[in-house]
């Protein structure tokens, strides 16, 4: 009985946490995965006895035992992957810069009209705080313009930081990129052209720093991190989506 209640509660919580962001950021691999797991938990909690009987019947046959054992191995592998990826995400977020001889690169994100989305605003606020505390650091704002955006992400970020009081002379716009790889690749070109420090500080949300760092490694960029805090009701969706993203990066 207690096990059923726990599964039902977790299932309902999962539906809430992963369903709510759909109205804000749409459907993606993160909330889709979370919703599927939540539905499975709800079903198992509501029909625990029925599920138990089905599993018992399967276990009594050789083929069923093989299938259940294989499923158990898959679940174990998934758990290990999640733990390893989470460790790498946390470690990357804690890799803060120790020197001011760096160039900050703020990775772009969705722009709503001409205003930053919640996620982009969190990155800009983290960038503003660091730039305010380290006045010798130059900053590249990186991001192109999507078909549903009023201005480029770079221009939006530039305007936001200038309005907050950051000197224009410290800011460089890279407004052609459409992906994390292009963010960093095109920013590297700006660094080379302007003679900026080749050690960079990547500003993006905490869940994204590991993957961004691996891209920077592939481009030969030495990097540290300034994590932006994701709002709580979007974090589960982005976190799970990022787990898929890291796995994809490892495989491909």
Protein backbone atom coordinates (compact mmCIF):
# COMPACT_ATOMS: atom_id res chain seq x y z
CA UNK A 1 0.00 0.00 0.00
CA UNK A 2 2.76 2.43 0.98
CA UNK A 3 4.72 1.58 -2.18
CA UNK A 4 1.63 2.31 -4.29
CA UNK A 5 1.08 5.66 -2.61
CA UNK A 6 4.73 6.65 -3.12
CA UNK A 7 4.60 5.76 -6.83
CA UNK A 8 1.32 7.64 -7.31
CA UNK A 9 2.66 10.73 -5.55
CA UNK A 10 5.90 10.64 -7.56
CA UNK A 11 3.92 10.15 -10.76
CA UNK A 12 1.66 13.12 -10.08
CA UNK A 13 4.64 15.25 -9.08
CA UNK A 14 6.42 14.25 -12.28
CA UNK A 15 3.40 15.15 -14.41
CA UNK A 16 3.29 18.57 -12.75
CA UNK A 17 7.03 19.30 -13.01
CA UNK A 18 7.41 18.11 -16.59
CA UNK A 19 3.99 19.10 -17.88
CA UNK A 20 3.97 22.71 -16.70
CA UNK A 21 6.96 23.83 -18.85
CA UNK A 22 5.21 22.71 -22.05
CA UNK A 23 3.19 25.93 -22.06
CA UNK A 24 6.38 27.98 -21.66
CA UNK A 25 9.04 26.29 -23.79
CA UNK A 26 7.05 23.64 -25.68
CA UNK A 27 7.66 19.90 -25.84
CA UNK A 28 11.18 18.53 -25.96
CA UNK A 29 13.08 15.37 -25.03
CA UNK A 30 13.35 16.52 -21.43
CA UNK A 31 9.69 16.92 -20.56
CA UNK A 32 8.66 14.07 -22.87
CA UNK A 33 10.97 11.70 -20.99
CA UNK A 34 9.77 12.98 -17.63
CA UNK A 35 6.11 12.60 -18.57
CA UNK A 36 6.62 9.02 -19.81
CA UNK A 37 8.35 8.05 -16.55
CA UNK A 38 5.62 9.79 -14.52
CA UNK A 39 2.87 7.90 -16.38
CA UNK A 40 4.65 4.59 -15.80
CA UNK A 41 4.92 5.36 -12.08
CA UNK A 42 1.24 6.31 -11.92
CA UNK A 43 0.16 3.13 -13.71
CA UNK A 44 2.34 0.92 -11.51
CA UNK A 45 1.09 2.67 -8.37
CA UNK A 46 -2.59 2.48 -9.30
CA UNK A 47 -2.44 -1.12 -10.57
CA UNK A 48 0.42 -2.50 -8.46
CA UNK A 49 -1.19 -5.91 -7.85
CA UNK A 50 -1.99 -6.37 -11.53
CA UNK A 51 1.55 -5.36 -12.53
CA UNK A 52 2.96 -7.71 -9.90
CA UNK A 53 0.98 -10.65 -11.32
CA UNK A 54 2.14 -9.90 -14.86
CA UNK A 55 5.76 -9.78 -13.72
CA UNK A 56 5.36 -13.06 -11.82
CA UNK A 57 3.93 -14.77 -14.90
CA UNK A 58 6.78 -13.47 -17.06
CA UNK A 59 9.38 -14.60 -14.53
CA UNK A 60 8.00 -18.13 -14.63
CA UNK A 61 8.92 -18.51 -18.31
CA UNK A 62 12.44 -18.65 -19.72
CA UNK A 63 11.80 -15.98 -22.34
CA UNK A 64 10.11 -13.76 -19.78
CA UNK A 65 12.99 -14.15 -17.36
CA UNK A 66 15.47 -13.17 -20.09
CA UNK A 67 13.38 -10.10 -20.98
CA UNK A 68 13.04 -8.98 -17.37
CA UNK A 69 16.75 -9.52 -16.72
CA UNK A 70 17.61 -7.50 -19.82
CA UNK A 71 15.26 -4.73 -18.70
CA UNK A 72 16.94 -4.72 -15.29
CA UNK A 73 20.36 -4.35 -16.89
CA UNK A 74 19.10 -1.48 -19.07
CA UNK A 75 17.68 0.32 -16.02
CA UNK A 76 20.97 -0.17 -14.14
CA UNK A 77 22.97 1.23 -17.07
CA UNK A 78 20.64 4.24 -17.28
CA UNK A 79 21.05 4.92 -13.56
CA UNK A 80 24.86 4.76 -13.86
CA UNK A 81 24.79 7.10 -16.87
CA UNK A 82 22.60 9.61 -15.02
CA UNK A 83 24.92 9.56 -11.99
CA UNK A 84 28.06 10.00 -14.12
CA UNK A 85 26.56 12.78 -16.25
CA UNK A 86 25.24 14.58 -13.17
CA UNK A 87 28.68 14.45 -11.57
CA UNK A 88 30.25 15.94 -14.71
CA UNK A 89 27.61 18.69 -14.87
CA UNK A 90 28.17 19.64 -11.23
CA UNK A 91 31.95 19.56 -11.57
CA UNK A 92 31.83 21.83 -14.62
CA UNK A 93 29.57 24.32 -12.84
CA UNK A 94 32.08 24.54 -9.97
CA UNK A 95 35.08 25.21 -12.25
CA UNK A 96 35.17 28.94 -11.61
CA UNK A 97 37.85 31.31 -12.98
CA UNK A 98 40.72 32.28 -10.68
CA UNK A 99 42.16 35.04 -12.89
CA UNK A 100 40.81 38.22 -14.47
CA UNK A 101 42.92 37.66 -17.60
CA UNK A 102 40.02 36.00 -19.40
CA UNK A 103 37.43 36.71 -22.06
CA UNK A 104 33.81 36.08 -21.15
CA UNK A 105 31.59 34.35 -23.72
CA UNK A 106 27.85 34.46 -23.04
CA UNK A 107 26.01 31.75 -24.98
CA UNK A 108 22.78 32.81 -26.62
CA UNK A 109 19.30 31.51 -25.99
CA UNK A 110 15.71 32.27 -26.99
CA UNK A 111 14.68 35.91 -27.47
CA UNK A 112 11.01 36.83 -27.13
CA UNK A 113 10.54 39.65 -29.60
CA UNK A 114 13.33 41.95 -28.49
CA UNK A 115 13.46 40.80 -24.85
CA UNK A 116 15.47 37.94 -23.32
CA UNK A 117 13.65 34.77 -22.34
CA UNK A 118 13.82 33.65 -18.71
CA UNK A 119 16.75 31.37 -19.48
CA UNK A 120 18.67 34.02 -21.40
CA UNK A 121 17.99 36.60 -18.69
CA UNK A 122 19.50 34.27 -16.08
CA UNK A 123 22.66 34.04 -18.19
CA UNK A 124 22.80 37.81 -18.59
CA UNK A 125 22.34 38.41 -14.88
CA UNK A 126 25.20 36.00 -14.12
CA UNK A 127 27.35 37.75 -16.73
CA UNK A 128 26.48 41.19 -15.36
CA UNK A 129 27.43 40.17 -11.82
CA UNK A 130 30.80 38.81 -12.93
CA UNK A 131 31.57 41.77 -15.21
CA UNK A 132 30.68 44.20 -12.42
CA UNK A 133 33.11 42.47 -10.08
CA UNK A 134 35.88 42.11 -12.70
CA UNK A 135 36.10 45.39 -14.60
CA UNK A 136 39.08 44.39 -16.77
CA UNK A 137 37.22 41.48 -18.39
CA UNK A 138 35.91 41.83 -21.94
CA UNK A 139 32.75 40.02 -23.01
CA UNK A 140 31.52 38.42 -26.23
CA UNK A 141 27.74 38.00 -26.49
CA UNK A 142 27.09 35.21 -28.94
CA UNK A 143 23.90 34.24 -30.75
CA UNK A 144 22.21 34.74 -34.11
CA UNK A 145 18.61 35.59 -34.94
CA UNK A 146 16.00 32.87 -35.23
CA UNK A 147 12.94 33.14 -37.51
CA UNK A 148 10.68 33.92 -34.54
CA UNK A 149 13.02 36.43 -32.88
CA UNK A 150 12.72 40.20 -33.38
CA UNK A 151 16.47 40.80 -33.08
CA UNK A 152 19.55 38.63 -32.80
CA UNK A 153 20.34 37.06 -29.44
CA UNK A 154 23.65 38.92 -29.46
CA UNK A 155 21.96 42.30 -29.92
CA UNK A 156 19.44 41.51 -27.20
CA UNK A 157 22.25 40.58 -24.80
CA UNK A 158 24.29 43.63 -25.75
CA UNK A 159 21.34 45.95 -25.13
CA UNK A 160 20.54 44.32 -21.78
CA UNK A 161 24.10 44.60 -20.44
CA UNK A 162 24.52 48.19 -21.65
CA UNK A 163 21.23 49.18 -20.01
CA UNK A 164 22.51 47.62 -16.79
CA UNK A 165 25.61 49.84 -16.97
CA UNK A 166 28.31 47.71 -18.61
CA UNK A 167 30.67 49.83 -20.76
CA UNK A 168 30.06 49.30 -24.50
CA UNK A 169 33.81 49.14 -25.10
CA UNK A 170 33.96 45.90 -23.12
CA UNK A 171 31.32 44.19 -25.27
CA UNK A 172 31.67 42.41 -28.61
CA UNK A 173 28.76 41.01 -30.60
CA UNK A 174 28.84 37.72 -32.47
CA UNK A 175 25.44 37.54 -34.17
CA UNK A 176 25.71 34.72 -36.74
CA UNK A 177 25.82 31.53 -34.66
CA UNK A 178 22.94 29.05 -34.48
CA UNK A 179 24.34 26.40 -32.11
CA UNK A 180 26.64 26.00 -29.12
CA UNK A 181 29.47 24.90 -31.39
CA UNK A 182 29.03 27.96 -33.59
CA UNK A 183 28.73 30.20 -30.49
CA UNK A 184 32.20 29.16 -29.42
CA UNK A 185 33.75 28.74 -32.88
CA UNK A 186 32.65 32.20 -34.04
CA UNK A 187 33.57 33.74 -30.69
CA UNK A 188 37.06 32.28 -31.09
CA UNK A 189 37.29 34.18 -34.39
CA UNK A 190 36.36 37.41 -32.56
CA UNK A 191 39.01 36.69 -29.92
CA UNK A 192 41.67 36.20 -32.61
CA UNK A 193 40.59 39.32 -34.53
CA UNK A 194 40.43 41.61 -31.49
CA UNK A 195 43.47 40.20 -29.69
CA UNK A 196 41.48 39.23 -26.60
CA UNK A 197 42.57 36.74 -23.95
CA UNK A 198 42.43 33.20 -25.30
CA UNK A 199 41.30 31.79 -21.96
CA UNK A 200 37.54 32.08 -21.86
CA UNK A 201 34.85 32.08 -19.23
CA UNK A 202 31.71 30.42 -20.52
CA UNK A 203 28.44 31.81 -19.21
CA UNK A 204 25.46 29.52 -19.63
CA UNK A 205 23.01 27.68 -17.41
CA UNK A 206 24.49 25.23 -14.92
CA UNK A 207 23.10 22.17 -16.70
CA UNK A 208 24.71 23.21 -20.01
CA UNK A 209 28.26 23.95 -18.88
CA UNK A 210 29.72 20.45 -19.26
CA UNK A 211 28.58 20.06 -22.87
CA UNK A 212 29.66 23.60 -23.75
CA UNK A 213 33.04 22.90 -22.16
CA UNK A 214 33.53 19.78 -24.30
CA UNK A 215 32.84 21.86 -27.40
CA UNK A 216 35.40 24.42 -26.21
CA UNK A 217 37.92 21.61 -25.70
CA UNK A 218 37.41 20.43 -29.28
CA UNK A 219 38.18 23.97 -30.49
CA UNK A 220 41.35 24.20 -28.40
CA UNK A 221 39.91 26.81 -26.04
CA UNK A 222 41.00 26.89 -22.40
CA UNK A 223 37.89 27.58 -20.37
CA UNK A 224 36.33 28.16 -16.96
CA UNK A 225 32.68 28.53 -16.00
CA UNK A 226 30.22 31.06 -14.64
CA UNK A 227 26.93 29.22 -14.11
CA UNK A 228 23.55 30.88 -14.51
CA UNK A 229 20.81 29.67 -12.21
CA UNK A 230 17.80 28.10 -13.94
CA UNK A 231 14.33 28.85 -12.53
CA UNK A 232 13.14 25.85 -10.52
CA UNK A 233 10.11 24.98 -12.63
CA UNK A 234 12.18 24.72 -15.83
CA UNK A 235 15.20 22.98 -14.34
CA UNK A 236 13.87 19.36 -14.38
CA UNK A 237 12.96 19.59 -18.07
CA UNK A 238 16.24 21.21 -19.09
CA UNK A 239 18.26 18.85 -16.89
CA UNK A 240 16.75 15.69 -18.40
CA UNK A 241 17.05 17.11 -21.92
CA UNK A 242 20.70 17.85 -21.21
CA UNK A 243 21.28 14.23 -20.15
CA UNK A 244 20.12 13.20 -23.62
CA UNK A 245 22.29 15.92 -25.17
CA UNK A 246 25.42 14.72 -23.38
CA UNK A 247 24.74 11.12 -24.40
CA UNK A 248 24.30 12.23 -28.01
CA UNK A 249 27.56 14.17 -27.83
CA UNK A 250 29.40 11.12 -26.49
CA UNK A 251 28.01 8.81 -29.18
CA UNK A 252 28.23 11.10 -32.19
